[in-house]
Amino acid sequence: MPFANYKLPEASLNREQKEDLIHQTTELMVSFFGEVVRPTTMVLVEEVKDGGYGRADEVFMMPEKYRAKG
């Protein structure tokens, strides 16, 4: 069973974008392993709250203009 786990800033994708990400990831797995994996491919989209991630001592906050609408 292929498994993909995405960790994204909270509100960076709307519902439709998450559905598209899941669909495209499933298609990617099928392109590698064949149709046999489609029913068992698991895609997990995790949203990380503002301030819950960072790099090089900088804590990130998602600017409002980049938040998903809808």
PDB file of N, CA and C in Angstrom:
ATOM      1  N   MET A   1       0.843  -1.175   0.000  1.00  0.00           N
ATOM      2  CA  MET A   1       0.000   0.000   0.000  1.00  0.00           C
ATOM      3  C   MET A   1       0.891   1.242   0.000  1.00  0.00           C
ATOM      4  N   PRO A   2       0.894   2.011  -1.101  1.00  0.00           N
ATOM      5  CA  PRO A   2       1.644   3.268  -1.106  1.00  0.00           C
ATOM      6  C   PRO A   2       1.022   4.265  -0.141  1.00  0.00           C
ATOM      7  N   PHE A   3       1.875   5.056   0.498  1.00  0.00           N
ATOM      8  CA  PHE A   3       1.426   6.044   1.476  1.00  0.00           C
ATOM      9  C   PHE A   3       2.192   7.333   1.245  1.00  0.00           C
ATOM     10  N   ALA A   4       1.474   8.440   1.080  1.00  0.00           N
ATOM     11  CA  ALA A   4       2.094   9.760   0.941  1.00  0.00           C
ATOM     12  C   ALA A   4       1.583  10.640   2.063  1.00  0.00           C
ATOM     13  N   ASN A   5       2.472  11.407   2.683  1.00  0.00           N
ATOM     14  CA  ASN A   5       2.099  12.264   3.798  1.00  0.00           C
ATOM     15  C   ASN A   5       2.612  13.672   3.513  1.00  0.00           C
ATOM     16  N   TYR A   6       1.680  14.598   3.337  1.00  0.00           N
ATOM     17  CA  TYR A   6       2.021  15.996   3.117  1.00  0.00           C
ATOM     18  C   TYR A   6       1.770  16.773   4.401  1.00  0.00           C
ATOM     19  N   LYS A   7       2.706  17.605   4.787  1.00  0.00           N
ATOM     20  CA  LYS A   7       2.543  18.510   5.924  1.00  0.00           C
ATOM     21  C   LYS A   7       2.612  19.923   5.357  1.00  0.00           C
ATOM     22  N   LEU A   8       1.504  20.634   5.496  1.00  0.00           N
ATOM     23  CA  LEU A   8       1.379  21.958   4.900  1.00  0.00           C
ATOM     24  C   LEU A   8       0.939  22.971   5.955  1.00  0.00           C
ATOM     25  N   PRO A   9       1.283  24.244   5.766  1.00  0.00           N
ATOM     26  CA  PRO A   9       0.782  25.257   6.679  1.00  0.00           C
ATOM     27  C   PRO A   9      -0.756  25.284   6.663  1.00  0.00           C
ATOM     28  N   GLU A  10      -1.334  25.467   7.839  1.00  0.00           N
ATOM     29  CA  GLU A  10      -2.785  25.529   7.956  1.00  0.00           C
ATOM     30  C   GLU A  10      -3.359  26.583   7.007  1.00  0.00           C
ATOM     31  N   ALA A  11      -4.424  26.221   6.310  1.00  0.00           N
ATOM     32  CA  ALA A  11      -5.158  27.102   5.400  1.00  0.00           C
ATOM     33  C   ALA A  11      -4.387  27.454   4.133  1.00  0.00           C
ATOM     34  N   SER A  12      -3.353  26.680   3.797  1.00  0.00           N
ATOM     35  CA  SER A  12      -2.625  26.969   2.561  1.00  0.00           C
ATOM     36  C   SER A  12      -3.342  26.398   1.339  1.00  0.00           C
ATOM     37  N   LEU A  13      -4.197  25.392   1.550  1.00  0.00           N
ATOM     38  CA  LEU A  13      -5.000  24.826   0.463  1.00  0.00           C
ATOM     39  C   LEU A  13      -6.463  24.792   0.877  1.00  0.00           C
ATOM     40  N   ASN A  14      -7.353  25.023  -0.096  1.00  0.00           N
ATOM     41  CA  ASN A  14      -8.775  24.854   0.193  1.00  0.00           C
ATOM     42  C   ASN A  14      -9.172  23.400  -0.092  1.00  0.00           C
ATOM     43  N   ARG A  15     -10.420  23.068   0.136  1.00  0.00           N
ATOM     44  CA  ARG A  15     -10.874  21.684  -0.004  1.00  0.00           C
ATOM     45  C   ARG A  15     -10.637  21.141  -1.423  1.00  0.00           C
ATOM     46  N   GLU A  16     -10.967  21.939  -2.422  1.00  0.00           N
ATOM     47  CA  GLU A  16     -10.794  21.497  -3.807  1.00  0.00           C
ATOM     48  C   GLU A  16      -9.323  21.246  -4.135  1.00  0.00           C
ATOM     49  N   GLN A  17      -8.435  22.093  -3.622  1.00  0.00           N
ATOM     50  CA  GLN A  17      -7.003  21.918  -3.870  1.00  0.00           C
ATOM     51  C   GLN A  17      -6.488  20.654  -3.181  1.00  0.00           C
ATOM     52  N   LYS A  18      -6.988  20.373  -1.981  1.00  0.00           N
ATOM     53  CA  LYS A  18      -6.596  19.136  -1.297  1.00  0.00           C
ATOM     54  C   LYS A  18      -7.073  17.920  -2.085  1.00  0.00           C
ATOM     55  N   GLU A  19      -8.302  17.975  -2.583  1.00  0.00           N
ATOM     56  CA  GLU A  19      -8.823  16.868  -3.391  1.00  0.00           C
ATOM     57  C   GLU A  19      -7.957  16.652  -4.626  1.00  0.00           C
ATOM     58  N   ASP A  20      -7.546  17.747  -5.264  1.00  0.00           N
ATOM     59  CA  ASP A  20      -6.695  17.652  -6.452  1.00  0.00           C
ATOM     60  C   ASP A  20      -5.325  17.072  -6.092  1.00  0.00           C
ATOM     61  N   LEU A  21      -4.759  17.498  -4.959  1.00  0.00           N
ATOM     62  CA  LEU A  21      -3.473  16.965  -4.505  1.00  0.00           C
ATOM     63  C   LEU A  21      -3.578  15.454  -4.268  1.00  0.00           C
ATOM     64  N   ILE A  22      -4.645  15.037  -3.627  1.00  0.00           N
ATOM     65  CA  ILE A  22      -4.858  13.607  -3.372  1.00  0.00           C
ATOM     66  C   ILE A  22      -4.996  12.852  -4.689  1.00  0.00           C
ATOM     67  N   HIS A  23      -5.790  13.391  -5.612  1.00  0.00           N
ATOM     68  CA  HIS A  23      -5.977  12.738  -6.909  1.00  0.00           C
ATOM     69  C   HIS A  23      -4.651  12.621  -7.676  1.00  0.00           C
ATOM     70  N   GLN A  24      -3.911  13.724  -7.750  1.00  0.00           N
ATOM     71  CA  GLN A  24      -2.653  13.702  -8.503  1.00  0.00           C
ATOM     72  C   GLN A  24      -1.608  12.798  -7.858  1.00  0.00           C
ATOM     73  N   THR A  25      -1.606  12.746  -6.536  1.00  0.00           N
ATOM     74  CA  THR A  25      -0.673  11.849  -5.844  1.00  0.00           C
ATOM     75  C   THR A  25      -1.029  10.390  -6.142  1.00  0.00           C
ATOM     76  N   THR A  26      -2.317  10.093  -6.111  1.00  0.00           N
ATOM     77  CA  THR A  26      -2.755   8.738  -6.442  1.00  0.00           C
ATOM     78  C   THR A  26      -2.346   8.384  -7.862  1.00  0.00           C
ATOM     79  N   GLU A  27      -2.539   9.306  -8.793  1.00  0.00           N
ATOM     80  CA  GLU A  27      -2.137   9.059 -10.188  1.00  0.00           C
ATOM     81  C   GLU A  27      -0.631   8.819 -10.291  1.00  0.00           C
ATOM     82  N   LEU A  28       0.153   9.552  -9.520  1.00  0.00           N
ATOM     83  CA  LEU A  28       1.604   9.355  -9.515  1.00  0.00           C
ATOM     84  C   LEU A  28       1.950   7.939  -9.065  1.00  0.00           C
ATOM     85  N   MET A  29       1.332   7.498  -7.975  1.00  0.00           N
ATOM     86  CA  MET A  29       1.599   6.152  -7.466  1.00  0.00           C
ATOM     87  C   MET A  29       1.200   5.096  -8.492  1.00  0.00           C
ATOM     88  N   VAL A  30       0.064   5.295  -9.131  1.00  0.00           N
ATOM     89  CA  VAL A  30      -0.397   4.355 -10.157  1.00  0.00           C
ATOM     90  C   VAL A  30       0.585   4.332 -11.328  1.00  0.00           C
ATOM     91  N   SER A  31       1.141   5.492 -11.686  1.00  0.00           N
ATOM     92  CA  SER A  31       2.098   5.529 -12.803  1.00  0.00           C
ATOM     93  C   SER A  31       3.369   4.739 -12.488  1.00  0.00           C
ATOM     94  N   PHE A  32       3.732   4.657 -11.213  1.00  0.00           N
ATOM     95  CA  PHE A  32       4.911   3.886 -10.811  1.00  0.00           C
ATOM     96  C   PHE A  32       4.610   2.398 -10.624  1.00  0.00           C
ATOM     97  N   PHE A  33       3.506   2.107  -9.944  1.00  0.00           N
ATOM     98  CA  PHE A  33       3.250   0.734  -9.500  1.00  0.00           C
ATOM     99  C   PHE A  33       2.137   0.018 -10.245  1.00  0.00           C
ATOM    100  N   GLY A  34       1.367   0.747 -11.044  1.00  0.00           N
ATOM    101  CA  GLY A  34       0.278   0.140 -11.792  1.00  0.00           C
ATOM    102  C   GLY A  34      -1.065   0.293 -11.082  1.00  0.00           C
ATOM    103  N   GLU A  35      -2.123  -0.022 -11.830  1.00  0.00           N
ATOM    104  CA  GLU A  35      -3.494   0.139 -11.335  1.00  0.00           C
ATOM    105  C   GLU A  35      -3.773  -0.647 -10.057  1.00  0.00           C
ATOM    106  N   VAL A  36      -3.007  -1.695  -9.833  1.00  0.00           N
ATOM    107  CA  VAL A  36      -3.253  -2.539  -8.670  1.00  0.00           C
ATOM    108  C   VAL A  36      -3.184  -1.760  -7.356  1.00  0.00           C
ATOM    109  N   VAL A  37      -2.438  -0.632  -7.317  1.00  0.00           N
ATOM    110  CA  VAL A  37      -2.293   0.112  -6.065  1.00  0.00           C
ATOM    111  C   VAL A  37      -3.360   1.187  -5.856  1.00  0.00           C
ATOM    112  N   ARG A  38      -4.161   1.478  -6.890  1.00  0.00           N
ATOM    113  CA  ARG A  38      -5.140   2.563  -6.752  1.00  0.00           C
ATOM    114  C   ARG A  38      -6.053   2.379  -5.530  1.00  0.00           C
ATOM    115  N   PRO A  39      -6.643   1.192  -5.326  1.00  0.00           N
ATOM    116  CA  PRO A  39      -7.573   1.059  -4.195  1.00  0.00           C
ATOM    117  C   PRO A  39      -6.913   1.137  -2.818  1.00  0.00           C
ATOM    118  N   THR A  40      -5.605   0.959  -2.752  1.00  0.00           N
ATOM    119  CA  THR A  40      -4.946   0.933  -1.443  1.00  0.00           C
ATOM    120  C   THR A  40      -4.011   2.125  -1.208  1.00  0.00           C
ATOM    121  N   THR A  41      -3.962   3.059  -2.150  1.00  0.00           N
ATOM    122  CA  THR A  41      -3.092   4.224  -1.984  1.00  0.00           C
ATOM    123  C   THR A  41      -3.683   5.162  -0.934  1.00  0.00           C
ATOM    124  N   MET A  42      -2.884   5.502   0.047  1.00  0.00           N
ATOM    125  CA  MET A  42      -3.310   6.393   1.128  1.00  0.00           C
ATOM    126  C   MET A  42      -2.561   7.707   0.997  1.00  0.00           C
ATOM    127  N   VAL A  43      -3.304   8.819   1.024  1.00  0.00           N
ATOM    128  CA  VAL A  43      -2.707  10.150   0.970  1.00  0.00           C
ATOM    129  C   VAL A  43      -3.216  10.915   2.187  1.00  0.00           C
ATOM    130  N   LEU A  44      -2.301  11.380   3.010  1.00  0.00           N
ATOM    131  CA  LEU A  44      -2.647  12.121   4.218  1.00  0.00           C
ATOM    132  C   LEU A  44      -2.154  13.556   4.059  1.00  0.00           C
ATOM    133  N   VAL A  45      -3.076  14.505   4.180  1.00  0.00           N
ATOM    134  CA  VAL A  45      -2.725  15.928   4.124  1.00  0.00           C
ATOM    135  C   VAL A  45      -2.894  16.477   5.534  1.00  0.00           C
ATOM    136  N   GLU A  46      -1.783  16.792   6.172  1.00  0.00           N
ATOM    137  CA  GLU A  46      -1.793  17.323   7.532  1.00  0.00           C
ATOM    138  C   GLU A  46      -1.551  18.823   7.494  1.00  0.00           C
ATOM    139  N   GLU A  47      -2.348  19.552   8.246  1.00  0.00           N
ATOM    140  CA  GLU A  47      -2.175  20.997   8.351  1.00  0.00           C
ATOM    141  C   GLU A  47      -1.481  21.331   9.669  1.00  0.00           C
ATOM    142  N   VAL A  48      -0.417  22.111   9.561  1.00  0.00           N
ATOM    143  CA  VAL A  48       0.350  22.522  10.728  1.00  0.00           C
ATOM    144  C   VAL A  48      -0.065  23.948  11.091  1.00  0.00           C
ATOM    145  N   LYS A  49      -0.451  24.158  12.334  1.00  0.00           N
ATOM    146  CA  LYS A  49      -0.884  25.486  12.787  1.00  0.00           C
ATOM    147  C   LYS A  49       0.256  26.496  12.703  1.00  0.00           C
ATOM    148  N   ASP A  50      -0.137  27.760  12.499  1.00  0.00           N
ATOM    149  CA  ASP A  50       0.850  28.833  12.498  1.00  0.00           C
ATOM    150  C   ASP A  50       1.724  28.746  13.738  1.00  0.00           C
ATOM    151  N   GLY A  51       2.999  28.947  13.555  1.00  0.00           N
ATOM    152  CA  GLY A  51       3.941  28.898  14.659  1.00  0.00           C
ATOM    153  C   GLY A  51       4.406  27.501  15.000  1.00  0.00           C
ATOM    154  N   GLY A  52       3.848  26.500  14.320  1.00  0.00           N
ATOM    155  CA  GLY A  52       4.205  25.116  14.599  1.00  0.00           C
ATOM    156  C   GLY A  52       5.263  24.568  13.660  1.00  0.00           C
ATOM    157  N   TYR A  53       5.908  25.430  12.920  1.00  0.00           N
ATOM    158  CA  TYR A  53       6.962  24.994  12.018  1.00  0.00           C
ATOM    159  C   TYR A  53       7.931  26.154  11.801  1.00  0.00           C
ATOM    160  N   GLY A  54       9.106  25.812  11.358  1.00  0.00           N
ATOM    161  CA  GLY A  54      10.101  26.846  11.138  1.00  0.00           C
ATOM    162  C   GLY A  54      11.373  26.263  10.546  1.00  0.00           C
ATOM    163  N   ARG A  55      12.340  27.130  10.345  1.00  0.00           N
ATOM    164  CA  ARG A  55      13.630  26.719   9.798  1.00  0.00           C
ATOM    165  C   ARG A  55      14.685  27.705  10.272  1.00  0.00           C
ATOM    166  N   ALA A  56      15.830  27.187  10.645  1.00  0.00           N
ATOM    167  CA  ALA A  56      16.972  28.015  11.037  1.00  0.00           C
ATOM    168  C   ALA A  56      16.586  29.056  12.088  1.00  0.00           C
ATOM    169  N   ASP A  57      15.918  28.600  13.127  1.00  0.00           N
ATOM    170  CA  ASP A  57      15.502  29.452  14.247  1.00  0.00           C
ATOM    171  C   ASP A  57      14.418  30.465  13.902  1.00  0.00           C
ATOM    172  N   GLU A  58      13.829  30.399  12.716  1.00  0.00           N
ATOM    173  CA  GLU A  58      12.750  31.312  12.346  1.00  0.00           C
ATOM    174  C   GLU A  58      11.427  30.558  12.393  1.00  0.00           C
ATOM    175  N   VAL A  59      10.488  31.031  13.192  1.00  0.00           N
ATOM    176  CA  VAL A  59       9.158  30.441  13.282  1.00  0.00           C
ATOM    177  C   VAL A  59       8.291  31.072  12.201  1.00  0.00           C
ATOM    178  N   PHE A  60       7.634  30.230  11.421  1.00  0.00           N
ATOM    179  CA  PHE A  60       6.841  30.729  10.297  1.00  0.00           C
ATOM    180  C   PHE A  60       5.388  30.965  10.672  1.00  0.00           C
ATOM    181  N   MET A  61       4.847  32.026  10.092  1.00  0.00           N
ATOM    182  CA  MET A  61       3.427  32.356  10.176  1.00  0.00           C
ATOM    183  C   MET A  61       2.959  32.570   8.736  1.00  0.00           C
ATOM    184  N   MET A  62       1.822  31.973   8.384  1.00  0.00           N
ATOM    185  CA  MET A  62       1.299  32.102   7.020  1.00  0.00           C
ATOM    186  C   MET A  62       0.716  33.502   6.817  1.00  0.00           C
ATOM    187  N   PRO A  63       1.281  34.295   5.887  1.00  0.00           N
ATOM    188  CA  PRO A  63       0.704  35.619   5.618  1.00  0.00           C
ATOM    189  C   PRO A  63      -0.723  35.474   5.077  1.00  0.00           C
ATOM    190  N   GLU A  64      -1.584  36.369   5.456  1.00  0.00           N
ATOM    191  CA  GLU A  64      -3.003  36.309   5.072  1.00  0.00           C
ATOM    192  C   GLU A  64      -3.178  36.209   3.558  1.00  0.00           C
ATOM    193  N   LYS A  65      -2.364  36.912   2.793  1.00  0.00           N
ATOM    194  CA  LYS A  65      -2.534  36.926   1.327  1.00  0.00           C
ATOM    195  C   LYS A  65      -2.276  35.544   0.708  1.00  0.00           C
ATOM    196  N   TYR A  66      -1.612  34.643   1.420  1.00  0.00           N
ATOM    197  CA  TYR A  66      -1.328  33.310   0.889  1.00  0.00           C
ATOM    198  C   TYR A  66      -2.296  32.246   1.388  1.00  0.00           C
ATOM    199  N   ARG A  67      -3.219  32.623   2.263  1.00  0.00           N
ATOM    200  CA  ARG A  67      -4.199  31.661   2.784  1.00  0.00           C
ATOM    201  C   ARG A  67      -5.206  31.316   1.695  1.00  0.00           C
ATOM    202  N   ALA A  68      -5.613  30.058   1.667  1.00  0.00           N
ATOM    203  CA  ALA A  68      -6.598  29.591   0.694  1.00  0.00           C
ATOM    204  C   ALA A  68      -7.930  30.268   0.938  1.00  0.00           C
ATOM    205  N   LYS A  69      -8.599  30.574  -0.116  1.00  0.00           N
ATOM    206  CA  LYS A  69      -9.930  31.164  -0.022  1.00  0.00           C
ATOM    207  C   LYS A  69     -10.950  30.102  -0.411  1.00  0.00           C
ATOM    208  N   GLY A  70     -11.994  30.011   0.369  1.00  0.00           N
ATOM    209  CA  GLY A  70     -13.075  29.061   0.044  1.00  0.00           C
ATOM    210  C   GLY A  70     -12.801  27.763   0.607  1.00  0.00           C
TER     211      GLY A  70
END
